[in-house]
Amino acid sequence: MNMAKIDFEYSLRHSTRAKRVSLTVYPDGRVLVTVPPRASDRTVTRFVGEYAPWVRKQLAKTETSRDCIFLPAGRRDYLRNKERCRVFVKTAIARHNRHYGLTFNRIAIKNLYSSWGSCSAKRNLNFNYKLIHLPAQLGEYIVVHELCHLREMNHSRRFWDLVAQTVPDHKQRRRELRKYLM
């Protein structure tokens, strides 16, 4: 077994729900090792040593994203901003759907961890509440993006042409959106 030198700090979290040891490297450079209740120190050290090269690679990526903007998070923030986000989303959908004329079933505001929104095959629109923390034009872009998925459930040329009908600078907005970390 090839074990690399551990030259970074990490936090340890014991979880009764964990079935195996796992590693997470956050955009702010924190490294978290989650372990099942009965994992030994030796198992943890061996695991972290084995994945040390991967961790260093991820930490190098966080160095290049120093200009990223971290958004507020947590259950309290979600509960505080969920309804504000719902109002924003419904207003934006009403405005843009005058142009598109698309039908949908339900709008849900959720605390998503890895996406800004989604559109289901059942024509339900889901949005991350954190879009309320973004500049308004980026939130509008996300709403239009998901709205357009009601017609095109892909990212084809037709989809992007549809988005461009109401958000002609969508490429610029997508680039700007990458600065914001959830």
N, C-alpha and C. Protein backbone atom coordinates (compact mmCIF):
# COMPACT_ATOMS: atom_id res chain seq x y z
N MET A 1 0.84 -1.19 0.00
CA MET A 1 0.00 0.00 0.00
C MET A 1 0.88 1.25 0.00
N ASN A 2 0.58 2.16 -0.89
CA ASN A 2 1.38 3.37 -1.05
C ASN A 2 0.73 4.52 -0.26
N MET A 3 1.40 4.96 0.81
CA MET A 3 0.84 6.02 1.64
C MET A 3 1.71 7.27 1.53
N ALA A 4 1.07 8.38 1.14
CA ALA A 4 1.79 9.64 0.98
C ALA A 4 1.84 10.39 2.31
N LYS A 5 2.75 11.33 2.38
CA LYS A 5 2.90 12.18 3.55
C LYS A 5 1.67 13.08 3.70
N ILE A 6 1.20 13.23 4.93
CA ILE A 6 0.06 14.10 5.20
C ILE A 6 0.59 15.45 5.66
N ASP A 7 0.57 16.43 4.75
CA ASP A 7 1.13 17.75 5.05
C ASP A 7 0.05 18.84 5.01
N PHE A 8 -1.15 18.49 5.46
CA PHE A 8 -2.26 19.44 5.52
C PHE A 8 -3.09 19.11 6.75
N GLU A 9 -3.83 20.08 7.22
CA GLU A 9 -4.68 19.86 8.38
C GLU A 9 -6.05 19.37 7.94
N TYR A 10 -6.68 18.56 8.78
CA TYR A 10 -8.03 18.12 8.49
C TYR A 10 -8.81 17.97 9.78
N SER A 11 -10.13 18.10 9.66
CA SER A 11 -11.02 17.92 10.81
C SER A 11 -11.64 16.54 10.70
N LEU A 12 -11.93 15.98 11.85
CA LEU A 12 -12.50 14.64 11.92
C LEU A 12 -13.93 14.75 12.44
N ARG A 13 -14.86 14.09 11.75
CA ARG A 13 -16.25 14.10 12.20
C ARG A 13 -16.73 12.65 12.28
N HIS A 14 -17.17 12.25 13.46
CA HIS A 14 -17.75 10.92 13.64
C HIS A 14 -19.23 11.02 13.35
N SER A 15 -19.73 10.12 12.52
CA SER A 15 -21.14 10.14 12.14
C SER A 15 -21.73 8.74 12.25
N THR A 16 -22.86 8.65 12.94
CA THR A 16 -23.53 7.35 13.07
C THR A 16 -24.11 6.92 11.72
N ARG A 17 -24.31 7.86 10.81
CA ARG A 17 -24.87 7.53 9.49
C ARG A 17 -23.80 7.11 8.49
N ALA A 18 -22.54 7.36 8.79
CA ALA A 18 -21.45 7.02 7.86
C ALA A 18 -21.24 5.51 7.83
N LYS A 19 -21.15 4.97 6.63
CA LYS A 19 -20.89 3.53 6.47
C LYS A 19 -19.41 3.28 6.20
N ARG A 20 -18.72 4.32 5.72
CA ARG A 20 -17.30 4.20 5.39
C ARG A 20 -16.63 5.55 5.62
N VAL A 21 -15.32 5.57 5.57
CA VAL A 21 -14.56 6.81 5.73
C VAL A 21 -14.68 7.61 4.42
N SER A 22 -14.90 8.92 4.54
CA SER A 22 -14.95 9.76 3.34
C SER A 22 -14.22 11.07 3.59
N LEU A 23 -13.78 11.68 2.49
CA LEU A 23 -13.03 12.93 2.52
C LEU A 23 -13.78 14.00 1.75
N THR A 24 -13.82 15.21 2.29
CA THR A 24 -14.41 16.34 1.58
C THR A 24 -13.44 17.50 1.66
N VAL A 25 -13.18 18.12 0.51
CA VAL A 25 -12.35 19.33 0.47
C VAL A 25 -13.28 20.47 0.06
N TYR A 26 -13.47 21.42 0.95
CA TYR A 26 -14.37 22.54 0.69
C TYR A 26 -13.66 23.65 -0.07
N PRO A 27 -14.45 24.47 -0.79
CA PRO A 27 -13.86 25.55 -1.58
C PRO A 27 -13.01 26.54 -0.78
N ASP A 28 -13.30 26.64 0.53
CA ASP A 28 -12.51 27.57 1.36
C ASP A 28 -11.23 26.92 1.90
N GLY A 29 -10.94 25.68 1.47
CA GLY A 29 -9.71 25.02 1.85
C GLY A 29 -9.81 24.10 3.06
N ARG A 30 -10.99 24.01 3.67
CA ARG A 30 -11.14 23.08 4.79
C ARG A 30 -11.18 21.65 4.28
N VAL A 31 -10.59 20.74 5.04
CA VAL A 31 -10.62 19.32 4.71
C VAL A 31 -11.33 18.61 5.85
N LEU A 32 -12.36 17.85 5.51
CA LEU A 32 -13.14 17.14 6.51
C LEU A 32 -13.10 15.65 6.22
N VAL A 33 -12.79 14.87 7.26
CA VAL A 33 -12.82 13.41 7.15
C VAL A 33 -13.98 12.93 8.00
N THR A 34 -14.94 12.26 7.35
CA THR A 34 -16.11 11.73 8.06
C THR A 34 -15.90 10.24 8.24
N VAL A 35 -16.11 9.77 9.48
CA VAL A 35 -15.84 8.36 9.77
C VAL A 35 -17.02 7.73 10.51
N PRO A 36 -17.21 6.42 10.30
CA PRO A 36 -18.22 5.70 11.08
C PRO A 36 -17.78 5.63 12.56
N PRO A 37 -18.70 5.42 13.45
CA PRO A 37 -18.37 5.45 14.90
C PRO A 37 -17.22 4.54 15.33
N ARG A 38 -17.07 3.38 14.71
CA ARG A 38 -16.06 2.43 15.18
C ARG A 38 -14.75 2.47 14.40
N ALA A 39 -14.56 3.47 13.58
CA ALA A 39 -13.32 3.55 12.80
C ALA A 39 -12.14 3.85 13.72
N SER A 40 -11.05 3.14 13.52
CA SER A 40 -9.87 3.34 14.36
C SER A 40 -9.03 4.49 13.83
N ASP A 41 -8.18 5.05 14.69
CA ASP A 41 -7.27 6.12 14.28
C ASP A 41 -6.35 5.63 13.17
N ARG A 42 -5.95 4.39 13.25
CA ARG A 42 -5.06 3.81 12.24
C ARG A 42 -5.74 3.77 10.87
N THR A 43 -7.02 3.39 10.86
CA THR A 43 -7.79 3.35 9.61
C THR A 43 -7.89 4.74 9.00
N VAL A 44 -8.17 5.73 9.85
CA VAL A 44 -8.31 7.12 9.38
C VAL A 44 -6.98 7.60 8.80
N THR A 45 -5.89 7.39 9.53
CA THR A 45 -4.57 7.84 9.07
C THR A 45 -4.19 7.18 7.75
N ARG A 46 -4.45 5.89 7.65
CA ARG A 46 -4.14 5.17 6.42
C ARG A 46 -4.97 5.72 5.25
N PHE A 47 -6.26 5.96 5.49
CA PHE A 47 -7.15 6.48 4.45
C PHE A 47 -6.71 7.87 3.98
N VAL A 48 -6.45 8.76 4.94
CA VAL A 48 -6.03 10.13 4.60
C VAL A 48 -4.69 10.09 3.86
N GLY A 49 -3.77 9.24 4.30
CA GLY A 49 -2.47 9.12 3.63
C GLY A 49 -2.62 8.62 2.20
N GLU A 50 -3.52 7.69 2.00
CA GLU A 50 -3.74 7.14 0.66
C GLU A 50 -4.31 8.20 -0.29
N TYR A 51 -5.16 9.07 0.23
CA TYR A 51 -5.79 10.09 -0.60
C TYR A 51 -5.12 11.46 -0.52
N ALA A 52 -3.98 11.54 0.16
CA ALA A 52 -3.26 12.81 0.31
C ALA A 52 -2.94 13.48 -1.03
N PRO A 53 -2.48 12.75 -2.05
CA PRO A 53 -2.21 13.42 -3.34
C PRO A 53 -3.47 14.06 -3.92
N TRP A 54 -4.59 13.36 -3.81
CA TRP A 54 -5.86 13.91 -4.30
C TRP A 54 -6.24 15.16 -3.52
N VAL A 55 -6.08 15.12 -2.20
CA VAL A 55 -6.41 16.28 -1.35
C VAL A 55 -5.55 17.48 -1.75
N ARG A 56 -4.24 17.26 -1.92
CA ARG A 56 -3.35 18.36 -2.32
C ARG A 56 -3.78 18.97 -3.65
N LYS A 57 -4.20 18.13 -4.57
CA LYS A 57 -4.67 18.60 -5.88
C LYS A 57 -5.92 19.47 -5.71
N GLN A 58 -6.84 19.03 -4.85
CA GLN A 58 -8.07 19.80 -4.60
C GLN A 58 -7.75 21.12 -3.90
N LEU A 59 -6.81 21.08 -2.96
CA LEU A 59 -6.41 22.31 -2.26
C LEU A 59 -5.76 23.30 -3.21
N ALA A 60 -5.01 22.81 -4.20
CA ALA A 60 -4.41 23.69 -5.20
C ALA A 60 -5.50 24.39 -6.01
N LYS A 61 -6.59 23.68 -6.29
CA LYS A 61 -7.71 24.29 -7.01
C LYS A 61 -8.34 25.41 -6.19
N THR A 62 -8.42 25.22 -4.86
CA THR A 62 -9.03 26.26 -4.03
C THR A 62 -8.16 27.52 -4.03
N GLU A 63 -6.85 27.34 -4.18
CA GLU A 63 -5.95 28.49 -4.26
C GLU A 63 -6.27 29.35 -5.47
N THR A 64 -6.63 28.71 -6.57
CA THR A 64 -6.92 29.46 -7.81
C THR A 64 -8.30 30.11 -7.76
N SER A 65 -9.12 29.74 -6.77
CA SER A 65 -10.47 30.32 -6.70
C SER A 65 -10.59 31.31 -5.55
N ARG A 66 -9.51 32.02 -5.26
CA ARG A 66 -9.51 32.99 -4.17
C ARG A 66 -10.53 34.11 -4.37
N ASP A 67 -10.85 34.44 -5.63
CA ASP A 67 -11.78 35.53 -5.90
C ASP A 67 -13.24 35.07 -5.90
N CYS A 68 -13.48 33.85 -5.45
CA CYS A 68 -14.84 33.34 -5.38
C CYS A 68 -15.60 33.99 -4.22
N ILE A 69 -16.90 33.99 -4.36
CA ILE A 69 -17.76 34.60 -3.35
C ILE A 69 -18.56 33.48 -2.69
N PHE A 70 -18.43 33.36 -1.38
CA PHE A 70 -19.15 32.33 -0.64
C PHE A 70 -20.49 32.89 -0.17
N LEU A 71 -21.55 32.17 -0.45
CA LEU A 71 -22.89 32.61 -0.06
C LEU A 71 -23.24 32.10 1.32
N PRO A 72 -24.12 32.83 2.03
CA PRO A 72 -24.57 32.34 3.33
C PRO A 72 -25.21 30.96 3.18
N ALA A 73 -25.20 30.20 4.25
CA ALA A 73 -25.75 28.85 4.18
C ALA A 73 -26.33 28.45 5.53
N GLY A 74 -26.93 27.29 5.59
CA GLY A 74 -27.45 26.74 6.82
C GLY A 74 -28.96 26.79 6.89
N ARG A 75 -29.48 25.99 7.78
CA ARG A 75 -30.94 25.87 7.91
C ARG A 75 -31.59 27.19 8.29
N ARG A 76 -30.98 27.92 9.19
CA ARG A 76 -31.55 29.20 9.63
C ARG A 76 -31.66 30.17 8.45
N ASP A 77 -30.60 30.24 7.64
CA ASP A 77 -30.62 31.12 6.46
C ASP A 77 -31.68 30.66 5.47
N TYR A 78 -31.80 29.35 5.30
CA TYR A 78 -32.82 28.79 4.40
C TYR A 78 -34.22 29.20 4.85
N LEU A 79 -34.52 29.00 6.13
CA LEU A 79 -35.86 29.34 6.64
C LEU A 79 -36.13 30.84 6.57
N ARG A 80 -35.10 31.64 6.77
CA ARG A 80 -35.24 33.10 6.74
C ARG A 80 -35.50 33.62 5.32
N ASN A 81 -34.94 32.97 4.31
CA ASN A 81 -34.98 33.50 2.94
C ASN A 81 -35.83 32.72 1.95
N LYS A 82 -36.37 31.59 2.36
CA LYS A 82 -37.13 30.73 1.45
C LYS A 82 -38.30 31.47 0.79
N GLU A 83 -39.11 32.17 1.57
CA GLU A 83 -40.28 32.85 1.01
C GLU A 83 -39.91 34.05 0.17
N ARG A 84 -38.84 34.77 0.55
CA ARG A 84 -38.36 35.87 -0.29
C ARG A 84 -37.95 35.34 -1.65
N CYS A 85 -37.28 34.20 -1.65
CA CYS A 85 -36.84 33.58 -2.89
C CYS A 85 -38.05 33.14 -3.72
N ARG A 86 -39.07 32.59 -3.07
CA ARG A 86 -40.27 32.15 -3.78
C ARG A 86 -40.94 33.33 -4.50
N VAL A 87 -41.02 34.47 -3.82
CA VAL A 87 -41.61 35.67 -4.43
C VAL A 87 -40.77 36.11 -5.64
N PHE A 88 -39.45 36.13 -5.47
CA PHE A 88 -38.55 36.51 -6.57
C PHE A 88 -38.75 35.59 -7.77
N VAL A 89 -38.75 34.28 -7.52
CA VAL A 89 -38.87 33.28 -8.60
C VAL A 89 -40.22 33.41 -9.30
N LYS A 90 -41.30 33.49 -8.53
CA LYS A 90 -42.64 33.59 -9.15
C LYS A 90 -42.77 34.85 -9.98
N THR A 91 -42.22 35.96 -9.49
CA THR A 91 -42.27 37.22 -10.24
C THR A 91 -41.48 37.10 -11.55
N ALA A 92 -40.29 36.51 -11.47
CA ALA A 92 -39.45 36.35 -12.66
C ALA A 92 -40.10 35.40 -13.66
N ILE A 93 -40.69 34.32 -13.17
CA ILE A 93 -41.36 33.37 -14.07
C ILE A 93 -42.53 34.06 -14.77
N ALA A 94 -43.34 34.79 -14.01
CA ALA A 94 -44.48 35.49 -14.61
C ALA A 94 -44.02 36.45 -15.71
N ARG A 95 -42.96 37.19 -15.45
CA ARG A 95 -42.44 38.16 -16.42
C ARG A 95 -41.92 37.46 -17.68
N HIS A 96 -41.10 36.46 -17.51
CA HIS A 96 -40.48 35.80 -18.67
C HIS A 96 -41.43 34.85 -19.38
N ASN A 97 -42.37 34.28 -18.65
CA ASN A 97 -43.29 33.33 -19.27
C ASN A 97 -44.33 34.04 -20.15
N ARG A 98 -44.43 35.35 -20.02
CA ARG A 98 -45.27 36.09 -20.98
C ARG A 98 -44.72 35.90 -22.38
N HIS A 99 -43.42 35.81 -22.48
CA HIS A 99 -42.76 35.58 -23.77
C HIS A 99 -42.85 34.10 -24.19
N TYR A 100 -42.55 33.19 -23.26
CA TYR A 100 -42.45 31.77 -23.62
C TYR A 100 -43.79 31.05 -23.65
N GLY A 101 -44.70 31.40 -22.76
CA GLY A 101 -46.01 30.75 -22.71
C GLY A 101 -45.94 29.26 -22.39
N LEU A 102 -45.09 28.88 -21.46
CA LEU A 102 -44.92 27.47 -21.10
C LEU A 102 -45.77 27.11 -19.89
N THR A 103 -46.15 25.84 -19.80
CA THR A 103 -46.93 25.38 -18.65
C THR A 103 -46.04 24.55 -17.74
N PHE A 104 -46.29 24.65 -16.46
CA PHE A 104 -45.54 23.89 -15.47
C PHE A 104 -46.49 23.51 -14.35
N ASN A 105 -46.08 22.59 -13.52
CA ASN A 105 -46.93 22.14 -12.42
C ASN A 105 -46.65 22.87 -11.13
N ARG A 106 -45.46 22.66 -10.59
CA ARG A 106 -45.17 23.15 -9.24
C ARG A 106 -43.84 23.89 -9.22
N ILE A 107 -43.76 24.88 -8.35
CA ILE A 107 -42.51 25.59 -8.09
C ILE A 107 -42.10 25.25 -6.66
N ALA A 108 -40.88 24.76 -6.50
CA ALA A 108 -40.39 24.44 -5.15
C ALA A 108 -39.09 25.20 -4.90
N ILE A 109 -38.97 25.71 -3.69
CA ILE A 109 -37.75 26.38 -3.25
C ILE A 109 -37.09 25.44 -2.25
N LYS A 110 -35.87 25.02 -2.56
CA LYS A 110 -35.20 24.01 -1.74
C LYS A 110 -33.81 24.48 -1.33
N ASN A 111 -33.26 23.78 -0.37
CA ASN A 111 -31.88 24.02 0.07
C ASN A 111 -31.00 23.01 -0.65
N LEU A 112 -30.72 23.28 -1.92
CA LEU A 112 -29.92 22.38 -2.75
C LEU A 112 -28.44 22.62 -2.48
N TYR A 113 -27.64 21.57 -2.59
CA TYR A 113 -26.22 21.70 -2.27
C TYR A 113 -25.33 21.80 -3.49
N SER A 114 -25.82 21.36 -4.64
CA SER A 114 -24.91 21.35 -5.79
C SER A 114 -25.50 21.91 -7.07
N SER A 115 -26.68 22.49 -7.01
CA SER A 115 -27.23 23.08 -8.23
C SER A 115 -28.09 24.29 -7.89
N TRP A 116 -28.25 25.15 -8.89
CA TRP A 116 -29.07 26.35 -8.72
C TRP A 116 -30.53 26.07 -8.97
N GLY A 117 -30.81 25.05 -9.75
CA GLY A 117 -32.19 24.73 -10.04
C GLY A 117 -32.29 23.48 -10.88
N SER A 118 -33.54 23.03 -11.08
CA SER A 118 -33.77 21.87 -11.93
C SER A 118 -35.20 21.91 -12.44
N CYS A 119 -35.42 21.15 -13.50
CA CYS A 119 -36.74 21.01 -14.10
C CYS A 119 -36.97 19.52 -14.26
N SER A 120 -38.04 19.00 -13.69
CA SER A 120 -38.28 17.56 -13.75
C SER A 120 -39.12 17.19 -14.96
N ALA A 121 -39.13 15.91 -15.27
CA ALA A 121 -39.95 15.40 -16.38
C ALA A 121 -41.43 15.62 -16.10
N LYS A 122 -41.79 15.78 -14.83
CA LYS A 122 -43.19 16.05 -14.46
C LYS A 122 -43.53 17.53 -14.56
N ARG A 123 -42.58 18.32 -15.11
CA ARG A 123 -42.75 19.76 -15.33
C ARG A 123 -42.79 20.55 -14.02
N ASN A 124 -42.06 20.05 -13.02
CA ASN A 124 -41.91 20.77 -11.76
C ASN A 124 -40.60 21.56 -11.82
N LEU A 125 -40.64 22.80 -11.34
CA LEU A 125 -39.45 23.65 -11.31
C LEU A 125 -38.95 23.75 -9.88
N ASN A 126 -37.69 23.46 -9.68
CA ASN A 126 -37.06 23.53 -8.36
C ASN A 126 -35.94 24.55 -8.40
N PHE A 127 -35.85 25.35 -7.34
CA PHE A 127 -34.82 26.39 -7.28
C PHE A 127 -34.12 26.37 -5.94
N ASN A 128 -32.84 26.66 -5.96
CA ASN A 128 -32.04 26.78 -4.75
C ASN A 128 -32.37 28.14 -4.11
N TYR A 129 -32.72 28.13 -2.83
CA TYR A 129 -33.07 29.38 -2.15
C TYR A 129 -31.92 30.39 -2.19
N LYS A 130 -30.68 29.91 -2.34
CA LYS A 130 -29.51 30.80 -2.30
C LYS A 130 -29.47 31.77 -3.48
N LEU A 131 -30.31 31.54 -4.49
CA LEU A 131 -30.28 32.48 -5.61
C LEU A 131 -30.77 33.86 -5.17
N ILE A 132 -31.44 33.94 -4.01
CA ILE A 132 -31.86 35.24 -3.48
C ILE A 132 -30.64 36.07 -3.05
N HIS A 133 -29.51 35.41 -2.78
CA HIS A 133 -28.29 36.11 -2.39
C HIS A 133 -27.45 36.58 -3.58
N LEU A 134 -27.83 36.18 -4.78
CA LEU A 134 -27.10 36.55 -5.99
C LEU A 134 -27.56 37.92 -6.50
N PRO A 135 -26.76 38.57 -7.33
CA PRO A 135 -27.25 39.76 -8.01
C PRO A 135 -28.51 39.37 -8.81
N ALA A 136 -29.48 40.27 -8.89
CA ALA A 136 -30.77 39.97 -9.50
C ALA A 136 -30.65 39.41 -10.91
N GLN A 137 -29.73 39.94 -11.72
CA GLN A 137 -29.64 39.47 -13.11
C GLN A 137 -29.19 38.01 -13.19
N LEU A 138 -28.42 37.54 -12.21
CA LEU A 138 -28.01 36.13 -12.20
C LEU A 138 -29.17 35.24 -11.77
N GLY A 139 -29.95 35.71 -10.79
CA GLY A 139 -31.15 34.98 -10.38
C GLY A 139 -32.14 34.87 -11.54
N GLU A 140 -32.30 35.95 -12.27
CA GLU A 140 -33.19 35.95 -13.44
C GLU A 140 -32.71 34.93 -14.47
N TYR A 141 -31.41 34.88 -14.71
CA TYR A 141 -30.86 33.93 -15.67
C TYR A 141 -31.20 32.50 -15.24
N ILE A 142 -31.04 32.17 -13.96
CA ILE A 142 -31.33 30.82 -13.47
C ILE A 142 -32.80 30.48 -13.70
N VAL A 143 -33.68 31.43 -13.43
CA VAL A 143 -35.12 31.20 -13.63
C VAL A 143 -35.40 30.93 -15.11
N VAL A 144 -34.85 31.75 -16.00
CA VAL A 144 -35.07 31.56 -17.43
C VAL A 144 -34.49 30.22 -17.89
N HIS A 145 -33.32 29.88 -17.38
CA HIS A 145 -32.66 28.61 -17.73
C HIS A 145 -33.60 27.44 -17.43
N GLU A 146 -34.13 27.39 -16.22
CA GLU A 146 -35.01 26.28 -15.84
C GLU A 146 -36.34 26.34 -16.58
N LEU A 147 -36.85 27.52 -16.80
CA LEU A 147 -38.09 27.70 -17.55
C LEU A 147 -37.94 27.13 -18.97
N CYS A 148 -36.82 27.39 -19.60
CA CYS A 148 -36.57 26.90 -20.96
C CYS A 148 -36.45 25.38 -21.02
N HIS A 149 -36.08 24.77 -19.90
CA HIS A 149 -36.02 23.30 -19.88
C HIS A 149 -37.41 22.69 -20.00
N LEU A 150 -38.45 23.45 -19.78
CA LEU A 150 -39.80 22.93 -19.98
C LEU A 150 -40.03 22.59 -21.46
N ARG A 151 -39.36 23.30 -22.35
CA ARG A 151 -39.49 23.02 -23.78
C ARG A 151 -38.36 22.13 -24.28
N GLU A 152 -37.15 22.37 -23.81
CA GLU A 152 -35.99 21.59 -24.23
C GLU A 152 -35.31 21.01 -22.99
N MET A 153 -35.47 19.72 -22.76
CA MET A 153 -34.90 19.07 -21.57
C MET A 153 -33.45 18.65 -21.81
N ASN A 154 -32.65 19.56 -22.32
CA ASN A 154 -31.26 19.27 -22.64
C ASN A 154 -30.52 20.61 -22.74
N HIS A 155 -29.28 20.58 -23.13
CA HIS A 155 -28.51 21.80 -23.34
C HIS A 155 -28.06 21.88 -24.80
N SER A 156 -28.99 21.61 -25.69
CA SER A 156 -28.70 21.65 -27.12
C SER A 156 -28.65 23.10 -27.62
N ARG A 157 -28.32 23.23 -28.87
CA ARG A 157 -28.30 24.56 -29.51
C ARG A 157 -29.70 25.20 -29.43
N ARG A 158 -30.73 24.39 -29.63
CA ARG A 158 -32.11 24.91 -29.56
C ARG A 158 -32.41 25.46 -28.16
N PHE A 159 -31.92 24.75 -27.14
CA PHE A 159 -32.13 25.22 -25.77
C PHE A 159 -31.49 26.60 -25.57
N TRP A 160 -30.22 26.75 -25.96
CA TRP A 160 -29.51 28.01 -25.75
C TRP A 160 -30.11 29.14 -26.59
N ASP A 161 -30.62 28.81 -27.78
CA ASP A 161 -31.32 29.82 -28.59
C ASP A 161 -32.58 30.29 -27.89
N LEU A 162 -33.25 29.37 -27.22
CA LEU A 162 -34.46 29.70 -26.46
C LEU A 162 -34.13 30.63 -25.29
N VAL A 163 -33.08 30.31 -24.56
CA VAL A 163 -32.64 31.15 -23.44
C VAL A 163 -32.28 32.54 -23.95
N ALA A 164 -31.59 32.60 -25.08
CA ALA A 164 -31.12 33.88 -25.63
C ALA A 164 -32.26 34.81 -26.04
N GLN A 165 -33.46 34.27 -26.21
CA GLN A 165 -34.60 35.12 -26.58
C GLN A 165 -34.91 36.17 -25.51
N THR A 166 -34.72 35.82 -24.24
CA THR A 166 -34.97 36.80 -23.17
C THR A 166 -33.71 37.17 -22.38
N VAL A 167 -32.67 36.36 -22.50
CA VAL A 167 -31.40 36.67 -21.83
C VAL A 167 -30.28 36.57 -22.87
N PRO A 168 -30.16 37.59 -23.72
CA PRO A 168 -29.16 37.52 -24.80
C PRO A 168 -27.71 37.42 -24.30
N ASP A 169 -27.43 37.91 -23.09
CA ASP A 169 -26.06 37.83 -22.54
C ASP A 169 -25.89 36.63 -21.60
N HIS A 170 -26.61 35.55 -21.86
CA HIS A 170 -26.59 34.38 -20.97
C HIS A 170 -25.19 33.80 -20.79
N LYS A 171 -24.33 33.88 -21.81
CA LYS A 171 -22.97 33.33 -21.66
C LYS A 171 -22.18 34.11 -20.61
N GLN A 172 -22.29 35.41 -20.65
CA GLN A 172 -21.62 36.26 -19.67
C GLN A 172 -22.16 35.99 -18.26
N ARG A 173 -23.47 35.86 -18.15
CA ARG A 173 -24.07 35.59 -16.84
C ARG A 173 -23.63 34.24 -16.29
N ARG A 174 -23.53 33.23 -17.15
CA ARG A 174 -23.05 31.92 -16.70
C ARG A 174 -21.63 32.01 -16.17
N ARG A 175 -20.78 32.76 -16.88
CA ARG A 175 -19.39 32.93 -16.41
C ARG A 175 -19.36 33.62 -15.05
N GLU A 176 -20.18 34.65 -14.90
CA GLU A 176 -20.23 35.39 -13.64
C GLU A 176 -20.76 34.51 -12.50
N LEU A 177 -21.69 33.65 -12.82
CA LEU A 177 -22.30 32.76 -11.82
C LEU A 177 -21.28 31.79 -11.22
N ARG A 178 -20.26 31.44 -11.98
CA ARG A 178 -19.23 30.50 -11.50
C ARG A 178 -18.44 31.04 -10.31
N LYS A 179 -18.46 32.36 -10.11
CA LYS A 179 -17.74 32.95 -8.98
C LYS A 179 -18.42 32.67 -7.65
N TYR A 180 -19.69 32.32 -7.70
CA TYR A 180 -20.47 32.14 -6.47
C TYR A 180 -20.49 30.69 -6.07
N LEU A 181 -20.06 30.42 -4.84
CA LEU A 181 -19.99 29.06 -4.33
C LEU A 181 -21.10 28.84 -3.31
N MET A 182 -21.71 27.70 -3.41
CA MET A 182 -22.86 27.38 -2.54
C MET A 182 -22.44 26.90 -1.18
